[in-house]
C-alpha atoms as a PDB file:
ATOM      1  CA  MET A   1     112.036  78.977  71.813  1.00  0.00           C
ATOM      2  CA  ASP A   2     114.195  80.728  69.412  1.00  0.00           C
ATOM      3  CA  HIS A   3     115.672  84.137  70.220  1.00  0.00           C
ATOM      4  CA  LEU A   4     113.051  86.222  68.471  1.00  0.00           C
ATOM      5  CA  GLN A   5     110.244  84.353  70.333  1.00  0.00           C
ATOM      6  CA  VAL A   6     111.813  85.019  73.577  1.00  0.00           C
ATOM      7  CA  VAL A   7     112.225  88.730  72.988  1.00  0.00           C
ATOM      8  CA  ILE A   8     108.643  88.971  71.773  1.00  0.00           C
ATOM      9  CA  PHE A   9     107.399  87.128  74.845  1.00  0.00           C
ATOM     10  CA  ILE A  10     109.297  89.334  77.349  1.00  0.00           C
ATOM     11  CA  CYS A  11     107.910  92.360  75.555  1.00  0.00           C
ATOM     12  CA  LEU A  12     104.440  91.167  75.866  1.00  0.00           C
ATOM     13  CA  MET A  13     104.944  90.126  79.425  1.00  0.00           C
ATOM     14  CA  THR A  14     106.460  93.563  80.179  1.00  0.00           C
ATOM     15  CA  PHE A  15     103.489  95.359  78.661  1.00  0.00           C
ATOM     16  CA  ILE A  16     100.861  93.190  80.348  1.00  0.00           C
ATOM     17  CA  LEU A  17     102.542  93.371  83.650  1.00  0.00           C
ATOM     18  CA  ASN A  18     102.741  97.193  83.698  1.00  0.00           C
ATOM     19  CA  LEU A  19      98.995  97.564  82.874  1.00  0.00           C
ATOM     20  CA  PRO A  20      97.661  97.121  86.422  1.00  0.00           C
ATOM     21  CA  PHE A  21     100.445  99.070  87.929  1.00  0.00           C
ATOM     22  CA  GLY A  22      99.747 101.928  85.549  1.00  0.00           C
ATOM     23  CA  TYR A  23      96.062 101.664  86.755  1.00  0.00           C
ATOM     24  CA  TRP A  24      96.921 101.636  90.291  1.00  0.00           C
ATOM     25  CA  ARG A  25      99.359 104.616  89.860  1.00  0.00           C
ATOM     26  CA  ARG A  26      96.274 106.857  89.260  1.00  0.00           C
ATOM     27  CA  ARG A  27      95.328 106.851  92.820  1.00  0.00           C
ATOM     28  CA  PHE A  28      98.688 108.276  94.133  1.00  0.00           C
ATOM     29  CA  LYS A  29     100.110 111.737  94.002  1.00  0.00           C
ATOM     30  CA  LYS A  30     102.959 112.070  91.522  1.00  0.00           C
ATOM     31  CA  PHE A  31     106.242 111.154  92.965  1.00  0.00           C
ATOM     32  CA  SER A  32     104.820 109.845  96.327  1.00  0.00           C
ATOM     33  CA  LEU A  33     105.943 106.529  97.757  1.00  0.00           C
ATOM     34  CA  GLY A  34     102.930 104.675  96.308  1.00  0.00           C
ATOM     35  CA  TRP A  35     103.486 106.170  92.833  1.00  0.00           C
ATOM     36  CA  PHE A  36     107.206 105.357  93.011  1.00  0.00           C
ATOM     37  CA  PHE A  37     106.267 101.713  93.906  1.00  0.00           C
ATOM     38  CA  CYS A  38     103.795 101.432  91.015  1.00  0.00           C
ATOM     39  CA  VAL A  39     106.386 102.705  88.516  1.00  0.00           C
ATOM     40  CA  HIS A  40     109.238 100.556  89.778  1.00  0.00           C
ATOM     41  CA  ALA A  41     107.765  97.271  91.116  1.00  0.00           C
ATOM     42  CA  PRO A  42     107.610  95.421  87.699  1.00  0.00           C
ATOM     43  CA  ILE A  43     111.209  96.151  87.023  1.00  0.00           C
ATOM     44  CA  PRO A  44     112.881  93.182  88.930  1.00  0.00           C
ATOM     45  CA  ILE A  45     110.470  90.796  87.333  1.00  0.00           C
ATOM     46  CA  VAL A  46     111.466  91.986  83.783  1.00  0.00           C
ATOM     47  CA  ALA A  47     115.104  92.099  84.693  1.00  0.00           C
ATOM     48  CA  ALA A  48     115.042  88.553  85.982  1.00  0.00           C
ATOM     49  CA  SER A  49     113.287  87.320  82.990  1.00  0.00           C
ATOM     50  CA  ARG A  50     115.900  88.926  80.672  1.00  0.00           C
ATOM     51  CA  ILE A  51     118.778  87.464  82.679  1.00  0.00           C
ATOM     52  CA  TYR A  52     117.175  84.063  82.901  1.00  0.00           C
ATOM     53  CA  SER A  53     116.665  84.101  79.236  1.00  0.00           C
ATOM     54  CA  HIS A  54     120.216  85.085  78.601  1.00  0.00           C
ATOM     55  CA  LEU A  55     119.309  88.125  76.625  1.00  0.00           C
ATOM     56  CA  SER A  56     121.806  90.922  75.922  1.00  0.00           C
ATOM     57  CA  ILE A  57     121.425  94.259  77.569  1.00  0.00           C
ATOM     58  CA  LYS A  58     120.805  95.818  74.198  1.00  0.00           C
ATOM     59  CA  PHE A  59     117.207  94.765  74.540  1.00  0.00           C
ATOM     60  CA  ILE A  60     116.574  96.754  77.710  1.00  0.00           C
ATOM     61  CA  PRO A  61     115.544  99.898  75.749  1.00  0.00           C
ATOM     62  CA  LEU A  62     112.940  97.844  73.901  1.00  0.00           C
ATOM     63  CA  PHE A  63     111.681  96.415  77.247  1.00  0.00           C
ATOM     64  CA  LEU A  64     111.549  99.996  78.673  1.00  0.00           C
ATOM     65  CA  VAL A  65     109.320 101.166  75.722  1.00  0.00           C
ATOM     66  CA  PHE A  66     106.867  98.322  76.394  1.00  0.00           C
ATOM     67  CA  ALA A  67     106.900  99.048  80.127  1.00  0.00           C
ATOM     68  CA  LEU A  68     106.126 102.644  79.456  1.00  0.00           C
ATOM     69  CA  LEU A  69     103.359 101.734  76.931  1.00  0.00           C
ATOM     70  CA  GLY A  70     101.725  99.552  79.534  1.00  0.00           C
ATOM     71  CA  GLN A  71     101.934 102.109  82.288  1.00  0.00           C
ATOM     72  CA  ILE A  72     100.377 104.762  80.011  1.00  0.00           C
ATOM     73  CA  LEU A  73      97.664 102.480  78.784  1.00  0.00           C
ATOM     74  CA  GLY A  74      96.987 101.175  82.310  1.00  0.00           C
ATOM     75  CA  TYR A  75      96.863 104.784  83.546  1.00  0.00           C
ATOM     76  CA  ARG A  76      94.130 105.682  80.945  1.00  0.00           C
ATOM     77  CA  ILE A  77      91.894 102.687  81.536  1.00  0.00           C
ATOM     78  CA  LYS A  78      88.605 103.824  83.093  1.00  0.00           C
ATOM     79  CA  LYS A  79      86.215 101.649  84.995  1.00  0.00           C
ATOM     80  CA  SER A  80      83.120 100.982  83.228  1.00  0.00           C
ATOM     81  CA  ASN A  81      80.017 101.453  85.476  1.00  0.00           C
END
């Protein structure tokens, strides 16, 4: 994979990984231990992917944006019953 493909892959992975955590975050009170876990649990996976791919730290803000988008969209997902 070339450099751009790796960046796009990690961005998409970050977004998709944060969707369920954003959804689960709904059931916890803001700033509780469960809420804190849902917000921070995906970070080591994304960081390990970036380090393993030998990407510069300059891409961290981009990955952060995709993580936030995944958290927000996951939070807004409603069960269809």
